[in-house]
Every structure is written in C-alpha cells, then in structure tokens.
Protein backbone atom coordinates (compact mmCIF):
# COMPACT_ATOMS: atom_id res chain seq x y z
CA MET A 1 -0.96 3.21 5.82
CA ARG A 2 2.37 3.19 6.79
CA MET A 3 0.78 4.55 3.28
CA SER A 4 1.31 2.07 2.00
CA SER A 5 -1.61 1.87 2.47
CA THR A 6 -0.34 1.92 2.26
CA ILE A 7 -4.33 0.41 4.30
CA ARG A 8 -11.84 -3.46 7.15
CA THR A 9 -15.16 -3.65 8.08
CA GLY A 10 -18.43 -2.61 6.95
CA ARG A 11 -17.86 0.77 9.10
CA THR A 12 -17.69 3.52 6.59
CA VAL A 13 -17.44 7.24 8.23
CA LYS A 14 -19.97 9.74 7.88
CA ARG A 15 -21.84 10.20 4.57
CA THR A 16 -21.14 13.20 2.61
CA THR A 17 -22.98 14.51 0.00
CA ARG A 18 -20.96 15.51 -3.20
CA ALA A 19 -21.35 19.64 -3.20
CA ALA A 20 -19.30 18.77 0.61
CA ALA A 21 -16.38 16.81 -1.77
CA THR A 22 -16.65 19.65 -4.28
CA LEU A 23 -15.77 22.51 -1.92
CA ALA A 24 -12.95 19.67 -0.22
CA VAL A 25 -11.35 19.53 -3.65
CA ALA A 26 -11.63 23.09 -4.79
CA ALA A 27 -9.95 24.24 -1.30
CA LEU A 28 -7.41 21.72 -1.98
CA ALA A 29 -6.96 22.82 -5.73
CA LEU A 30 -6.87 26.43 -4.57
CA SER A 31 -4.88 25.37 -1.50
CA LEU A 32 -2.15 23.78 -4.12
CA THR A 33 -2.23 26.44 -6.71
CA ALA A 34 -1.28 28.99 -4.13
CA CYS A 35 1.86 27.44 -2.93
CA GLY A 36 3.13 26.20 -6.22
CA GLY A 37 5.98 28.05 -6.14
CA ASP A 38 7.54 27.94 -2.81
CA ASP A 39 10.74 25.67 -2.56
CA ASP A 40 11.26 25.59 0.96
CA ASN A 41 11.71 21.77 1.77
CA GLY A 42 13.74 21.90 4.93
CA GLY A 43 12.14 22.34 8.46
CA GLY A 44 10.42 24.92 9.84
CA ASP A 45 11.93 27.42 12.59
CA ASN A 46 8.34 26.30 15.07
CA GLY A 47 10.35 25.94 18.41
CA ASP A 48 10.52 22.95 20.40
CA LYS A 49 9.05 19.43 19.84
CA GLY A 50 6.28 19.79 21.41
CA GLY A 51 4.77 22.38 17.95
CA GLY A 52 5.67 25.00 17.92
CA THR A 53 3.92 27.84 19.90
CA LYS A 54 0.36 26.70 19.91
CA ALA A 55 1.16 23.48 21.11
CA PRO A 56 3.62 23.96 23.86
CA ALA A 57 5.07 21.28 26.14
CA SER A 58 2.39 21.51 29.28
CA SER A 59 -0.81 21.49 26.27
CA VAL A 60 -0.99 17.26 27.50
CA THR A 61 -0.29 16.05 30.70
CA LEU A 62 0.72 12.36 31.10
CA PRO A 63 1.44 10.79 34.06
CA LYS A 64 5.08 9.53 35.63
CA LEU A 65 6.00 6.67 33.74
CA ASP A 66 9.35 5.79 35.58
CA GLY A 67 10.30 1.87 35.52
CA GLU A 68 7.89 1.01 32.85
CA SER A 69 8.24 -0.07 30.00
CA LEU A 70 6.80 -0.24 26.06
CA GLU A 71 7.21 -1.59 23.06
CA VAL A 72 5.25 -0.87 20.01
CA ALA A 73 4.60 -1.94 16.42
CA ALA A 74 4.26 -0.82 13.23
CA VAL A 75 4.89 -2.26 9.49
CA TRP A 76 7.22 1.54 9.19
CA THR A 77 10.52 0.87 7.91
CA GLY A 78 13.23 3.25 6.91
CA THR A 79 12.67 7.36 7.13
CA GLU A 80 8.90 7.04 8.45
CA GLN A 81 10.25 4.66 10.99
CA GLU A 82 12.67 6.77 12.69
CA ASN A 83 10.81 10.11 12.42
CA PHE A 84 7.89 7.46 14.45
CA LYS A 85 10.97 6.81 16.70
CA LYS A 86 11.44 10.97 17.60
CA VAL A 87 8.10 10.84 18.64
CA LEU A 88 8.77 8.04 21.31
CA ALA A 89 11.81 9.32 22.40
CA GLU A 90 10.05 12.45 23.55
CA PHE A 91 7.37 10.32 24.96
CA GLU A 92 10.12 8.56 27.24
CA LYS A 93 11.65 12.25 27.89
CA ARG A 94 8.36 13.60 29.26
CA THR A 95 7.42 10.02 31.05
CA GLY A 96 10.11 8.07 32.03
CA ALA A 97 9.18 5.18 30.28
CA LYS A 98 11.04 2.99 28.23
CA VAL A 99 9.50 2.24 24.59
CA THR A 100 11.20 -0.19 22.34
CA PHE A 101 9.69 0.29 18.23
CA VAL A 102 9.07 -3.62 17.07
CA PRO A 103 9.27 -3.60 13.71
CA ALA A 104 6.08 -5.79 11.86
CA GLN A 105 5.64 -7.29 8.54
CA ASP A 106 2.57 -7.11 6.53
CA PRO A 107 -0.41 -8.24 7.08
CA ILE A 108 0.09 -6.75 10.69
CA ILE A 109 -2.78 -9.06 11.82
CA ASN A 110 -1.45 -12.45 11.12
CA PHE A 111 2.12 -10.63 12.99
CA LEU A 112 0.13 -9.63 16.03
CA GLY A 113 -1.75 -13.15 15.64
CA SER A 114 1.96 -14.76 15.91
CA LYS A 115 3.71 -12.22 19.21
CA ILE A 116 -0.11 -13.18 20.84
CA ALA A 117 0.49 -17.05 20.15
CA GLY A 118 3.40 -16.53 21.34
CA GLY A 119 2.63 -14.98 25.18
CA ALA A 120 4.55 -11.47 23.44
CA PRO A 121 2.06 -8.89 22.36
CA PRO A 122 3.13 -5.19 21.70
CA ASP A 123 2.03 -2.70 24.08
CA VAL A 124 0.13 -0.29 21.55
CA ALA A 125 0.45 -1.59 17.31
CA MET A 126 -0.21 0.99 14.71
CA LEU A 127 -2.85 -0.33 12.40
CA PRO A 128 -3.11 0.80 8.76
CA GLN A 129 -6.36 -0.63 8.04
CA PRO A 130 -10.31 -0.48 10.16
CA GLY A 131 -11.12 -3.55 9.47
CA ALA A 132 -7.50 -4.50 10.85
CA ILE A 133 -8.95 -2.61 13.76
CA LYS A 134 -11.69 -5.44 14.12
CA GLN A 135 -10.17 -8.12 13.42
CA ALA A 136 -8.16 -7.53 16.41
CA VAL A 137 -11.52 -6.41 18.29
CA ASP A 138 -13.27 -8.88 17.25
CA LYS A 139 -10.36 -12.11 17.85
CA GLY A 140 -10.65 -10.41 21.45
CA TRP A 141 -7.22 -8.31 21.08
CA ALA A 142 -7.84 -5.13 21.53
CA LYS A 143 -8.60 -3.45 24.59
CA PRO A 144 -11.13 -0.12 24.72
CA LEU A 145 -9.32 3.38 24.84
CA GLY A 146 -9.77 5.34 28.47
CA ALA A 147 -11.55 8.03 29.82
CA GLU A 148 -8.52 10.11 29.39
CA ALA A 149 -7.68 9.06 25.34
CA THR A 150 -11.18 9.72 24.24
CA LYS A 151 -11.02 13.03 25.87
CA GLU A 152 -7.83 13.95 24.21
CA LEU A 153 -9.31 12.54 21.10
CA GLY A 154 -12.34 14.00 21.57
CA GLU A 155 -10.66 17.75 21.76
CA ASN A 156 -8.32 17.16 18.62
CA TYR A 157 -10.44 15.46 16.23
CA SER A 158 -13.16 15.51 13.94
CA GLN A 159 -16.51 12.65 13.77
CA GLY A 160 -15.40 11.10 10.98
CA TRP A 161 -11.80 10.82 12.25
CA GLN A 162 -12.91 9.21 15.97
CA ASP A 163 -15.79 7.38 14.31
CA ILE A 164 -13.54 5.09 11.81
CA GLY A 165 -11.72 3.95 14.96
CA LYS A 166 -15.02 2.69 16.98
CA VAL A 167 -16.30 -0.82 17.30
CA ASP A 168 -19.88 -1.04 18.25
CA GLY A 169 -19.87 2.55 19.41
CA LYS A 170 -16.19 1.79 21.50
CA GLN A 171 -13.15 3.88 20.88
CA TYR A 172 -10.54 1.48 19.96
CA GLY A 173 -8.36 3.58 17.37
CA VAL A 174 -6.14 6.72 17.58
CA TYR A 175 -5.57 7.91 14.11
CA TYR A 176 -2.26 9.87 14.53
CA LYS A 177 -1.28 9.60 10.88
CA ALA A 178 -3.30 10.29 8.18
CA ALA A 179 -3.02 10.24 4.11
CA ASN A 180 -4.50 12.58 1.47
CA LYS A 181 -4.53 9.90 -2.24
CA SER A 182 -6.17 12.14 -3.85
CA LEU A 183 -3.17 13.74 -6.04
CA ILE A 184 -0.65 13.25 -8.55
CA TRP A 185 2.43 14.68 -8.28
CA TYR A 186 4.70 15.48 -11.63
CA ASN A 187 8.16 16.76 -12.69
CA ALA A 188 7.64 20.35 -13.08
CA GLN A 189 10.56 20.92 -15.71
CA VAL A 190 8.96 17.77 -17.47
CA PHE A 191 5.49 19.21 -17.84
CA GLU A 192 7.60 22.98 -18.86
CA ASN A 193 8.53 21.26 -22.17
CA ALA A 194 5.97 19.39 -22.50
CA GLY A 195 4.23 22.70 -22.99
CA ALA A 196 1.43 20.79 -20.55
CA SER A 197 -0.58 22.56 -17.56
CA GLU A 198 -2.64 20.88 -14.65
CA PRO A 199 -5.44 18.61 -15.69
CA LYS A 200 -8.92 19.19 -14.23
CA THR A 201 -10.91 15.90 -15.88
CA TRP A 202 -10.07 12.51 -16.66
CA ASP A 203 -10.18 13.32 -20.30
CA GLU A 204 -8.07 16.64 -20.05
CA LEU A 205 -5.35 13.77 -17.82
CA LEU A 206 -5.06 11.73 -20.61
CA ASN A 207 -4.41 14.88 -23.20
CA THR A 208 -1.66 15.78 -20.63
CA ALA A 209 -0.31 12.55 -20.76
CA GLN A 210 0.32 12.61 -24.49
CA MET A 211 1.89 15.58 -24.62
CA VAL A 212 4.10 14.58 -22.07
CA TYR A 213 4.69 11.51 -24.24
CA ASP A 214 4.68 13.52 -27.77
CA SER A 215 7.42 15.48 -25.24
CA GLY A 216 9.58 12.19 -24.84
CA VAL A 217 8.90 11.39 -21.74
CA THR A 218 6.86 8.14 -20.94
CA PRO A 219 3.92 9.84 -18.76
CA PHE A 220 2.84 7.60 -15.28
CA SER A 221 5.02 6.13 -13.47
CA VAL A 222 3.20 2.88 -11.49
CA GLY A 223 4.27 1.66 -7.83
CA GLY A 224 2.62 -2.00 -9.71
CA ALA A 225 4.62 -4.00 -7.58
CA ASP A 226 3.42 -3.13 -4.62
CA GLY A 227 -0.56 -3.91 -4.85
CA TRP A 228 -1.68 -1.29 -2.54
CA THR A 229 -0.66 1.39 -5.55
CA LEU A 230 -3.37 -0.27 -7.51
CA THR A 231 -6.12 -0.29 -5.32
CA ASP A 232 -5.35 3.06 -4.36
CA TRP A 233 -5.95 4.27 -8.64
CA PHE A 234 -8.81 2.22 -8.85
CA GLU A 235 -10.41 3.61 -5.24
CA ASN A 236 -10.18 7.30 -7.02
CA VAL A 237 -11.96 6.30 -10.58
CA TYR A 238 -14.53 4.56 -8.84
CA LEU A 239 -15.47 7.28 -6.14
CA SER A 240 -15.46 10.14 -8.38
CA GLN A 241 -17.53 7.97 -11.45
CA ALA A 242 -19.42 6.04 -9.43
CA GLY A 243 -19.91 8.50 -6.64
CA PRO A 244 -19.53 7.89 -2.75
CA GLU A 245 -23.28 5.77 -2.28
CA LYS A 246 -22.01 2.97 -4.49
CA TYR A 247 -18.62 3.09 -2.65
CA ASP A 248 -20.03 2.59 0.49
CA GLN A 249 -21.63 -0.22 -1.05
CA LEU A 250 -18.90 -1.45 -2.80
CA ALA A 251 -17.02 -0.94 0.20
CA LYS A 252 -19.20 -2.51 2.35
CA HIS A 253 -19.43 -5.52 -0.21
CA GLU A 254 -23.58 -4.81 -0.22
CA ILE A 255 -23.27 -4.50 -4.62
CA LYS A 256 -20.58 -7.36 -6.30
CA TRP A 257 -17.71 -6.73 -7.92
CA THR A 258 -19.25 -7.73 -10.88
CA ASP A 259 -21.68 -5.09 -10.60
CA PRO A 260 -21.23 -2.80 -14.31
CA SER A 261 -20.40 0.15 -11.66
CA VAL A 262 -16.65 -1.52 -11.23
CA LYS A 263 -16.54 -2.64 -15.06
CA GLN A 264 -16.78 0.68 -15.80
CA ALA A 265 -14.26 2.22 -13.56
CA LEU A 266 -11.71 -0.97 -14.32
CA THR A 267 -12.07 -0.09 -18.19
CA THR A 268 -11.24 3.54 -17.37
CA LEU A 269 -8.45 2.53 -15.69
CA ALA A 270 -7.44 0.68 -18.38
CA GLU A 271 -6.95 3.34 -20.49
CA ILE A 272 -4.22 4.73 -18.75
CA TRP A 273 -2.59 1.13 -17.43
CA GLY A 274 -3.75 -0.67 -20.96
CA LYS A 275 -1.60 1.55 -22.83
CA LYS A 276 1.98 0.42 -22.97
CA ASP A 277 3.38 3.20 -23.63
CA PHE A 278 2.05 5.04 -21.13
CA VAL A 279 3.45 3.45 -18.13
CA ALA A 280 7.16 3.59 -17.57
CA GLY A 281 8.68 0.01 -18.16
CA GLY A 282 5.11 -1.23 -19.23
CA ALA A 283 3.02 -3.79 -17.65
CA SER A 284 6.03 -6.00 -16.93
CA GLY A 285 8.38 -3.13 -15.75
CA ALA A 286 5.48 -1.57 -13.70
CA LEU A 287 4.91 -4.83 -12.04
CA GLN A 288 9.17 -5.02 -10.95
CA THR A 289 8.76 -1.59 -9.18
CA GLU A 290 8.14 -1.04 -5.74
CA PHE A 291 6.31 2.25 -4.76
CA PRO A 292 9.20 4.56 -3.38
CA ALA A 293 11.49 3.76 -6.99
CA SER A 294 7.61 5.06 -8.23
CA VAL A 295 8.28 7.99 -6.77
CA THR A 296 12.51 8.54 -7.12
CA GLN A 297 12.32 7.52 -11.13
CA THR A 298 10.02 10.22 -11.65
CA PHE A 299 12.44 12.99 -10.09
CA THR A 300 15.78 12.14 -11.21
CA GLY A 301 17.60 11.96 -14.62
CA GLY A 302 17.47 15.33 -15.46
CA ASP A 303 15.35 16.28 -18.70
CA GLN A 304 14.47 12.44 -18.98
CA PRO A 305 13.18 11.10 -16.20
CA LYS A 306 11.59 7.89 -16.34
CA ALA A 307 8.56 9.59 -15.65
CA GLY A 308 6.62 12.70 -16.21
CA MET A 309 3.95 11.40 -13.24
CA VAL A 310 3.49 9.74 -10.38
CA TYR A 311 0.34 9.16 -8.18
CA GLU A 312 -0.18 8.60 -4.61
CA GLY A 313 -0.37 10.40 -1.31
CA ASP A 314 1.09 13.11 0.39
CA PHE A 315 3.91 11.11 1.87
CA VAL A 316 5.29 10.99 -1.72
CA GLN A 317 6.90 14.00 0.33
CA VAL A 318 8.92 11.24 1.97
CA ASN A 319 10.50 9.53 -1.21
CA ILE A 320 11.25 12.89 -3.10
CA GLY A 321 13.19 14.07 -0.01
CA GLU A 322 16.02 10.99 -1.05
CA THR A 323 15.97 13.05 -4.81
CA LYS A 324 17.42 15.98 -5.50
CA ALA A 325 13.83 17.35 -6.32
CA LYS A 326 12.50 20.05 -4.41
CA VAL A 327 8.91 20.14 -3.50
CA GLY A 328 6.97 23.23 -5.03
CA THR A 329 9.38 23.85 -7.74
CA ASP A 330 10.38 20.41 -9.58
CA ALA A 331 8.21 18.24 -7.92
CA LYS A 332 4.55 19.80 -7.91
CA VAL A 333 0.71 18.80 -7.13
CA PHE A 334 -3.15 18.75 -8.48
CA PRO A 335 -5.64 17.09 -7.20
CA PHE A 336 -7.01 13.53 -9.00
CA PRO A 337 -8.60 14.60 -11.98
CA ALA A 338 -12.87 14.59 -11.77
CA VAL A 339 -13.54 11.39 -13.48
CA GLY A 340 -17.05 11.78 -12.96
CA ASP A 341 -19.17 14.63 -11.75
CA THR A 342 -16.55 14.94 -8.97
CA ALA A 343 -13.34 14.51 -8.17
CA PRO A 344 -12.44 12.06 -5.66
CA VAL A 345 -11.76 12.84 -1.76
CA VAL A 346 -9.53 9.31 -0.45
CA SER A 347 -7.63 9.54 2.93
CA GLY A 348 -6.04 6.09 4.60
CA GLY A 349 -4.50 6.34 8.31
CA ASP A 350 -2.78 4.54 10.00
CA ALA A 351 -4.42 4.27 13.76
CA ALA A 352 -3.16 3.63 17.78
CA VAL A 353 -4.55 0.91 19.34
CA VAL A 354 -4.01 -0.53 22.76
CA PHE A 355 -3.53 -4.56 23.12
CA LYS A 356 -2.26 -4.83 26.67
CA ASP A 357 -3.77 -2.33 28.97
CA SER A 358 -1.64 -0.58 31.30
CA LYS A 359 -1.08 2.74 32.56
CA ALA A 360 1.87 3.52 30.64
CA ALA A 361 -0.17 1.93 27.02
CA GLN A 362 -3.03 4.32 27.76
CA ALA A 363 -0.52 7.00 28.17
CA LEU A 364 1.29 5.95 24.64
CA ALA A 365 -2.29 6.52 23.23
CA ILE A 366 -2.99 9.83 25.21
CA TRP A 367 0.62 11.56 23.62
CA LEU A 368 -0.61 10.11 20.20
CA ALA A 369 -3.41 11.51 20.30
CA SER A 370 -1.96 15.14 20.96
CA PRO A 371 -0.82 17.92 19.06
CA ASP A 372 2.96 17.77 20.52
CA ALA A 373 2.85 14.35 19.09
CA ALA A 374 1.56 15.25 15.92
CA ALA A 375 3.70 18.32 15.77
CA ILE A 376 7.33 16.27 15.64
CA GLN A 377 6.43 13.76 13.30
CA ALA A 378 4.53 16.90 11.00
CA LYS A 379 7.63 19.21 11.29
CA LEU A 380 9.99 16.74 9.54
CA GLY A 381 7.80 16.67 6.65
CA GLY A 382 6.25 13.24 4.67
CA PHE A 383 3.50 13.11 7.21
CA LEU A 384 -0.38 14.46 7.84
CA SER A 385 -2.54 14.26 10.71
CA PRO A 386 -6.00 14.69 10.92
CA ASN A 387 -5.59 16.33 14.44
CA LYS A 388 -7.08 19.69 14.28
CA SER A 389 -5.69 20.92 17.01
CA VAL A 390 -1.99 20.29 15.04
CA ASP A 391 -0.64 24.55 13.97
CA ALA A 392 -0.51 24.17 10.56
CA SER A 393 3.00 26.50 10.51
CA VAL A 394 4.79 23.16 11.98
CA TYR A 395 4.71 21.58 8.57
CA PRO A 396 8.43 22.17 6.27
CA ASN A 397 6.86 23.62 3.22
CA GLU A 398 3.77 25.06 1.96
CA VAL A 399 2.65 22.25 -0.19
CA GLN A 400 2.17 19.84 2.69
CA LYS A 401 1.06 23.37 4.80
CA LYS A 402 -1.91 23.27 2.15
CA ILE A 403 -2.69 19.78 1.95
CA ALA A 404 -3.20 19.28 5.62
CA GLU A 405 -5.04 22.27 6.30
CA ALA A 406 -7.39 20.86 3.28
CA LEU A 407 -7.91 17.74 5.23
CA VAL A 408 -8.45 19.28 8.44
CA ALA A 409 -10.97 22.15 6.55
CA ALA A 410 -12.52 19.10 5.09
CA GLY A 411 -13.84 17.71 8.71
CA ASP A 412 -16.37 14.81 7.87
CA ASP A 413 -16.69 15.32 3.96
CA PHE A 414 -13.57 12.44 2.81
CA ARG A 415 -14.19 8.62 2.25
CA PHE A 416 -11.95 6.47 3.79
CA ASP A 417 -9.64 4.10 1.65
CA MET A 418 -11.86 1.13 0.16
CA SER A 419 -9.03 -1.33 0.25
CA ASP A 420 -8.08 -0.43 4.12
CA GLN A 421 -12.35 -0.98 5.01
CA ALA A 422 -12.27 -4.76 3.36
CA PRO A 423 -11.12 -7.74 5.35
CA GLN A 424 -7.60 -8.12 5.18
CA ALA A 425 -7.37 -11.02 2.94
CA PHE A 426 -9.14 -8.81 0.60
CA GLY A 427 -7.70 -5.86 0.66
CA GLY A 428 -4.81 -5.60 2.37
CA THR A 429 -2.27 -8.97 1.70
CA PRO A 430 0.39 -9.15 -0.38
CA GLY A 431 0.31 -11.77 -3.64
CA LYS A 432 -3.49 -12.12 -2.28
CA GLY A 433 -6.92 -10.57 -3.41
CA GLU A 434 -7.58 -7.02 -4.70
CA TRP A 435 -3.86 -6.61 -4.67
CA LYS A 436 -2.97 -9.36 -6.65
CA THR A 437 -6.10 -9.21 -9.18
CA LEU A 438 -5.23 -5.80 -10.03
CA GLN A 439 -2.00 -6.70 -10.42
CA ASP A 440 -3.09 -9.70 -13.01
CA PHE A 441 -5.43 -6.57 -14.50
CA LEU A 442 -2.08 -4.49 -15.30
CA LYS A 443 -0.69 -6.96 -16.95
CA ASN A 444 -3.88 -7.38 -18.56
CA PRO A 445 -6.17 -4.88 -18.64
CA LYS A 446 -8.39 -6.48 -21.57
CA ASP A 447 -9.44 -8.67 -19.38
CA VAL A 448 -12.28 -6.48 -17.33
CA ALA A 449 -14.80 -9.38 -16.76
CA GLY A 450 -12.35 -11.83 -15.45
CA ALA A 451 -10.65 -9.48 -13.34
CA GLN A 452 -14.20 -8.14 -11.61
CA ALA A 453 -14.91 -12.28 -11.41
CA LYS A 454 -12.02 -12.69 -9.52
CA LEU A 455 -12.82 -9.69 -7.23
CA GLU A 456 -15.89 -11.01 -6.55
CA ALA A 457 -15.16 -14.38 -5.58
CA ASP A 458 -11.99 -13.00 -3.41
CA ALA A 459 -14.57 -11.10 -1.84
CA ALA A 460 -17.13 -13.05 -0.98
CA ALA A 461 -14.72 -15.74 0.55
CA ALA A 462 -13.10 -12.40 2.76
CA TYR A 463 -16.38 -10.91 3.88
CA GLY A 464 -18.33 -14.22 4.38
CA GLY A 465 -20.15 -14.88 1.31
C-alpha cells in the first residue's frame, strides 16, 4: 500500500449497510466541495513534530532503549520512505534506540521469507495487505502485539481498523497508514476549458470524459504498468455495482470470478479502457506508464497535459507535489462516481507487524499506534491516518484534512481493498494473478470471458480450491 497498494485473508472488516456507505460518501463529497478553493500546499504551523497542541510529547509513554537497535522493513521508496524515516527519527530521539530502515521488494512476503531463511528477519515490517499478515502468522513469523501496544491501538482506532489487523482473534497489526482509494483527481484548467463539471454517476463520468476529449485532451491517465492500479479501478466499479455483500463474497472467494457480477463490472470498465481515445497513449501506452508518471503527466504540460483525469487514492498528492500544480486549485478531486445505487468507499492500508519480539519492537508498535507518530507524517503530506486521535489540523492542506476527517468519521463503514484481502500470489504479485490478468484485459477489453476464466483459475489456485 505504499499505496501501491499499493495493497489476504478471508477476513472482512465490519459489514456496512448501503445507507452507511452513502452517508460516508456524501460527507466526503461535501468536504471536497467545501475545500476546493484552498491552495495552501505548505506545511502546517501546528507546533512541534509531536503533532500540535492535541498531541503533546507526553501523549504516549515509551521506554528508554539506549543501546538497542531495530530494523524496520517496508516497500516504500522516494518521498514516502523519507517521510517515514522522520517518524523513526523521532522514535530514536524519544527512546535512545537506533532504527535502520530496510528497503523491501514486492511481494514483501517473499522478501521476508528470504530474510528469515537467512536468519536475519527485521524486527518490524510494514505489511500492505491483511492477507500478508495472515500468511506471516500462519508461517509462524509474526508475533502478537503486547498489552501496551494493544491498549494504545484500542484508544486510537475504530474497531474496524483493529479487526483487519487481527488473525484468529489475536492482534498482530497496527494500521499506521491508510488510503481513501475512491477518488478521481483532475486538472482544473482542463475541466474549465472543456466546460466540464464534477460527475456523480458513471454515466456522468463518461459524458465528462467525452467533453474533455472534445476539448482536445485525452480524458484519462492510467498507470497500467503497475497492476495494483487496475485492481483498484475494478474494486470501485464492483463495490458500487454489485454491492457490499457480493464484494465480501468475492473477496473471500465464496463466489467465483466467473460470476455474472464480475462480467458486468469488467464490461463497465471496458467503457473506458476499451476506448483507446479515452486513455493516454492507448492501452500500450498505459501499460508502459507507472503510477507516479500517470499522476505527473496529468498535471504538467499547461493547457495540453497528456490527460485530464487520473484515478487513485489520496496519496496521489505526493506525486502532484512533484509538479508545479497546487492541490485544491490546479489539482482538484471528486469521489469515485456511483456505478450502481451507491458510490464506493474503498480503503487500503499498511500495518506494522512485529517479527522479532522484544521490548524495543513492541515499543515501536506502541509508537506507530500513537497520534504523535502519525501527526509527524501527516504534516508532510501524501499521508492519511486511520488514527482517530490525530488532530486533523496537522494535515498540510484543506483537501487532505477533509479526506482524513471523512475517513475517521466513516468509522467502520468502509470496505478494505479486495486484492489486499486475497492471497498475495493472486492479489499482490507483479506479473501474476489479478495484476497480470487485468493488465491483459486492459490490452484486450473485449475478452471479458477470457479474463474471467483466467482470474478464476488463478484465484482457485491461490485460495486452495
């Protein structure tokens, strides 16, 4: 999830009603509309790194760990990695421990397996999938959280966010980072030139795309080189169109990928993916475009960017920050439109999991469950915390602040990324499983039945039948 999620078990978060999901989307839509004109993309002035007035340095108690050393593994790179290192640096300052960041590769379970086989597991790893947590527990690698870390988690997180870090009733994961993965970002100048407005339904999205195309700009940028972006597209369409009950069943492979509901979702996706003039570079271009470039090419090029819109989560702001565009002014956002009765609310996240049980590792889990830690990275942008004790004023701009408030306000009323709930071999491995099949489908969106058959074959193998 870097949000690569960037982001497997049969476990689901608390069931949500359509009405509750509707309220959450409505709150988000109102929030984004209210903050559309704010162009403050700088850091906040909320006091010390501990997170401002509501998260003082003494809000979490940590032991003295002078002379102790820790390794933390994660797949994060670039700005995301550097910002997380600042959180680790504050932990070092408060405890006296030395923390080393270990860059991991996808799939992280394979990376961890190699480290463990070599007798050198990290003390803590950031796992971007609930399924990866379960696999780590099943293999005997992961260690349960101690009483103090569990207590800190319980004070700061809704039950739903606690539950997705549990395996067989025991708490293993601290969901330090979250993502709202039901957002479409757009180039405000392109929309203005096209006379387009923010769509609320799928049909309106198609009409908006046509208006953008008619104005001389390709409507969508798709980062198809990274298969996880395509799973996110599918999940939003499927959740809205098929509904939460079907979503839960497909996530657990209780229904097959050959189900008519999957056919309907793929057919709907093809209304965009199958129209080469709607995707920057066509299918071949999209399959060569990695996620970061899919964002930056939407917000560079003046009046003629390579695309007018890009779908992905709140973390898109990190990549927008690499351009001259200002979030809230040049780069705006709307909730993923309703394909069926209700607009989707899909989330993802990264959880801290202990692999070497020690006082220092448990202390780091306590730290990452605290509002102090989250507030440090929240101030830096491109980060969303499910920690309800974080003061929303620490977020660096109004767009991010409102997205964060909407996530916390939703409580347990969300659905976790479906591919992240699947075994990693199916839902989280480059070049394999769902990632690869959806890349093939982007290349040939007429072959709905073929895509379904391949998805089902791979899912059956990964889920064990």
